[in-house]
């Protein structure tokens, strides 16, 4: 799957991050398509431009509030809402790929959630709607799981710890100040 992804996605994947599903805008008059990529850590949206330029938005699952998908007879639309209220809207996506993407998001959220994610599903005559609400405990469980992994590897190399720290920062789990403070402590160990 990675060989079909746009360069902007490949450049921004973290080490070890796995792409679970990727779809691109079905109908477009624009020169380059828009993509929705579901990974094991986040949802990525990329708007490709000409000459290698792009706009990328990545939403870690910890910062996700809800995902709404309306699947019609011909195409579908996505609405992804972050905790801070910002939204990503992506219209005219392939309907079958949209179903696969929403299921990949549900499965990825369930991997890090203590309780299953809540799903509202409405089937209409000509369409169906899916709404996935992220459980409130996902953030705390994600941090607890990372803490357990760190404790179980006490003899870990400081360079490996720096890489993991950077991943947490990139995912939005750590603030800039927390990241800098912990990074300085790790650099002192080298």
Protein backbone atom coordinates (compact mmCIF):
# COMPACT_ATOMS: atom_id res chain seq x y z
CA UNK A 1 0.00 0.00 0.00
CA UNK A 2 2.83 2.41 0.83
CA UNK A 3 4.03 2.51 -2.78
CA UNK A 4 0.73 4.15 -3.81
CA UNK A 5 0.74 6.80 -1.10
CA UNK A 6 1.67 10.41 -1.88
CA UNK A 7 5.16 11.58 -0.98
CA UNK A 8 3.75 13.99 1.63
CA UNK A 9 2.36 11.10 3.66
CA UNK A 10 5.49 9.00 3.37
CA UNK A 11 7.65 11.94 4.52
CA UNK A 12 5.53 12.40 7.62
CA UNK A 13 5.09 8.86 8.90
CA UNK A 14 6.81 8.24 12.23
CA UNK A 15 9.25 5.32 12.57
CA UNK A 16 7.24 2.14 13.07
CA UNK A 17 3.93 3.81 12.21
CA UNK A 18 1.72 1.44 10.22
CA UNK A 19 -0.72 2.59 7.53
CA UNK A 20 -4.00 0.72 8.02
CA UNK A 21 -6.00 2.23 5.18
CA UNK A 22 -5.77 5.06 2.66
CA UNK A 23 -8.35 6.56 0.33
CA UNK A 24 -8.25 9.45 -2.07
CA UNK A 25 -10.92 11.76 -3.32
CA UNK A 26 -12.93 10.05 -6.03
CA UNK A 27 -14.19 12.95 -8.11
CA UNK A 28 -11.95 15.95 -8.48
CA UNK A 29 -11.40 18.76 -10.95
CA UNK A 30 -8.25 19.72 -9.07
CA UNK A 31 -4.81 18.86 -10.42
CA UNK A 32 -3.91 16.72 -7.40
CA UNK A 33 -6.18 14.61 -5.14
CA UNK A 34 -6.90 14.86 -1.45
CA UNK A 35 -6.12 11.82 0.71
CA UNK A 36 -7.38 10.42 3.99
CA UNK A 37 -4.88 8.02 5.57
CA UNK A 38 -5.64 5.93 8.66
CA UNK A 39 -2.61 4.72 10.62
CA UNK A 40 -2.27 2.84 13.88
CA UNK A 41 -1.54 6.18 15.64
CA UNK A 42 -3.54 8.89 13.87
CA UNK A 43 -5.65 10.06 10.96
CA UNK A 44 -3.80 12.05 8.32
CA UNK A 45 -5.37 14.33 5.73
CA UNK A 46 -3.29 15.61 2.84
CA UNK A 47 -4.23 18.09 0.14
CA UNK A 48 -1.65 17.65 -2.61
CA UNK A 49 -0.63 20.69 -4.65
CA UNK A 50 1.38 20.99 -7.83
CA UNK A 51 5.18 21.11 -7.81
CA UNK A 52 5.46 18.77 -4.81
CA UNK A 53 3.68 21.07 -2.35
CA UNK A 54 0.99 19.87 0.05
CA UNK A 55 -1.04 20.75 3.14
CA UNK A 56 -1.04 18.04 5.81
CA UNK A 57 -3.17 17.73 8.92
CA UNK A 58 -2.51 14.85 11.31
CA UNK A 59 -4.88 14.09 14.18
CA UNK A 60 -3.60 11.68 16.84
CA UNK A 61 -6.36 9.45 18.17
CA UNK A 62 -5.86 11.05 21.58
CA UNK A 63 -6.96 14.42 20.12
CA UNK A 64 -9.90 13.05 18.10
CA UNK A 65 -13.45 13.84 19.21
CA UNK A 66 -15.62 12.22 16.56
CA UNK A 67 -15.72 10.92 13.01
CA UNK A 68 -18.86 11.30 10.91
CA UNK A 69 -19.28 9.54 7.57
CA UNK A 70 -22.27 9.70 5.27
CA UNK A 71 -22.22 7.04 2.57
CA UNK A 72 -24.56 7.62 -0.36
CA UNK A 73 -25.34 5.58 -3.46
CA UNK A 74 -22.47 7.11 -5.48
CA UNK A 75 -20.04 8.74 -3.07
CA UNK A 76 -19.49 9.64 0.56
CA UNK A 77 -18.31 12.46 2.79
CA UNK A 78 -16.15 12.54 5.91
CA UNK A 79 -16.21 14.98 8.81
CA UNK A 80 -13.42 14.54 11.36
CA UNK A 81 -13.66 16.70 14.45
CA UNK A 82 -10.75 17.36 16.81
CA UNK A 83 -11.11 18.03 20.55
CA UNK A 84 -10.22 21.70 19.98
CA UNK A 85 -13.24 22.10 17.65
CA UNK A 86 -11.33 22.19 14.35
CA UNK A 87 -12.78 20.03 11.60
CA UNK A 88 -11.66 18.35 8.41
CA UNK A 89 -14.29 17.84 5.70
CA UNK A 90 -13.63 15.57 2.80
CA UNK A 91 -16.35 15.06 0.20
CA UNK A 92 -16.86 12.88 -2.85
CA UNK A 93 -14.96 9.86 -1.60
CA UNK A 94 -15.57 6.35 -2.96
CA UNK A 95 -18.43 4.81 -0.95
CA UNK A 96 -16.89 1.34 -0.51
CA UNK A 97 -13.51 2.75 0.47
CA UNK A 98 -15.26 5.09 2.93
CA UNK A 99 -16.80 2.09 4.70
CA UNK A 100 -13.40 0.41 4.90
CA UNK A 101 -11.78 3.58 6.24
CA UNK A 102 -14.39 4.12 8.97
CA UNK A 103 -13.96 0.48 10.03
CA UNK A 104 -10.16 0.94 10.14
CA UNK A 105 -10.62 4.05 12.34
CA UNK A 106 -13.00 2.14 14.63
CA UNK A 107 -10.56 -0.78 14.93
CA UNK A 108 -7.57 1.52 15.59
CA UNK A 109 -9.48 3.36 18.33
CA UNK A 110 -10.58 0.07 19.88
CA UNK A 111 -6.92 -1.04 20.03
CA UNK A 112 -6.07 1.80 22.43
CA UNK A 113 -9.41 2.14 24.26
CA UNK A 114 -10.34 0.44 27.53
CA UNK A 115 -13.99 0.39 26.48
CA UNK A 116 -15.19 -0.09 22.89
CA UNK A 117 -15.82 3.12 20.96
CA UNK A 118 -19.44 4.17 20.67
CA UNK A 119 -20.89 3.98 17.19
CA UNK A 120 -24.13 5.46 15.94
CA UNK A 121 -25.28 4.04 12.64
CA UNK A 122 -28.32 5.23 10.70
CA UNK A 123 -29.45 3.46 7.55
CA UNK A 124 -31.63 5.53 5.22
CA UNK A 125 -33.26 4.65 1.90
CA UNK A 126 -30.45 6.14 -0.23
CA UNK A 127 -27.63 6.50 2.29
CA UNK A 128 -26.22 5.50 5.64
CA UNK A 129 -24.45 7.47 8.36
CA UNK A 130 -21.75 6.42 10.81
CA UNK A 131 -20.74 8.47 13.84
CA UNK A 132 -17.85 7.29 15.98
CA UNK A 133 -17.30 8.95 19.34
CA UNK A 134 -13.92 8.43 20.98
CA UNK A 135 -14.14 7.17 24.58
CA UNK A 136 -12.95 9.73 27.11
CA UNK A 137 -10.36 7.40 28.66
CA UNK A 138 -8.31 6.85 25.48
CA UNK A 139 -5.79 9.55 26.37
CA UNK A 140 -5.10 8.32 29.89
CA UNK A 141 -4.86 4.70 28.76
CA UNK A 142 -2.47 5.63 25.95
CA UNK A 143 -0.19 7.37 28.45
CA UNK A 144 -0.45 4.46 30.92
CA UNK A 145 0.42 1.96 28.18
CA UNK A 146 3.47 4.02 27.15
CA UNK A 147 4.53 4.27 30.81
CA UNK A 148 4.25 0.49 31.21
CA UNK A 149 6.36 -0.07 28.10
CA UNK A 150 8.99 2.34 29.44
CA UNK A 151 9.09 0.67 32.88
CA UNK A 152 9.47 -2.78 31.34
CA UNK A 153 12.56 -1.62 29.41
CA UNK A 154 14.67 -0.06 32.14
CA UNK A 155 17.93 -0.86 30.35
CA UNK A 156 16.82 0.97 27.22
CA UNK A 157 19.33 3.07 25.29
CA UNK A 158 18.93 6.87 25.77
CA UNK A 159 18.89 7.33 21.98
CA UNK A 160 15.91 4.97 21.74
CA UNK A 161 14.21 6.91 24.52
CA UNK A 162 14.80 10.14 22.56
CA UNK A 163 13.12 8.63 19.50
CA UNK A 164 10.11 7.55 21.53
CA UNK A 165 9.93 10.95 23.21
CA UNK A 166 9.87 12.62 19.79
CA UNK A 167 7.07 10.27 18.68
CA UNK A 168 4.99 11.23 21.74
CA UNK A 169 5.60 14.90 20.98
CA UNK A 170 4.64 14.44 17.31
CA UNK A 171 1.46 12.62 18.36
CA UNK A 172 0.51 15.61 20.51
CA UNK A 173 0.70 13.72 23.83
CA UNK A 174 3.46 16.01 25.14
CA UNK A 175 3.54 19.80 25.06
CA UNK A 176 6.57 21.69 23.72
CA UNK A 177 7.74 22.45 27.28
CA UNK A 178 7.36 18.85 28.48
CA UNK A 179 9.19 17.59 25.42
CA UNK A 180 12.12 20.02 25.84
CA UNK A 181 12.46 19.25 29.55
CA UNK A 182 12.53 15.48 29.04
CA UNK A 183 14.79 15.78 25.99
CA UNK A 184 17.39 17.74 28.00
CA UNK A 185 17.41 15.08 30.73
CA UNK A 186 17.93 12.32 28.18
CA UNK A 187 20.72 14.22 26.44
CA UNK A 188 22.53 14.45 29.77
CA UNK A 189 22.55 10.63 29.96
CA UNK A 190 24.41 10.29 26.64
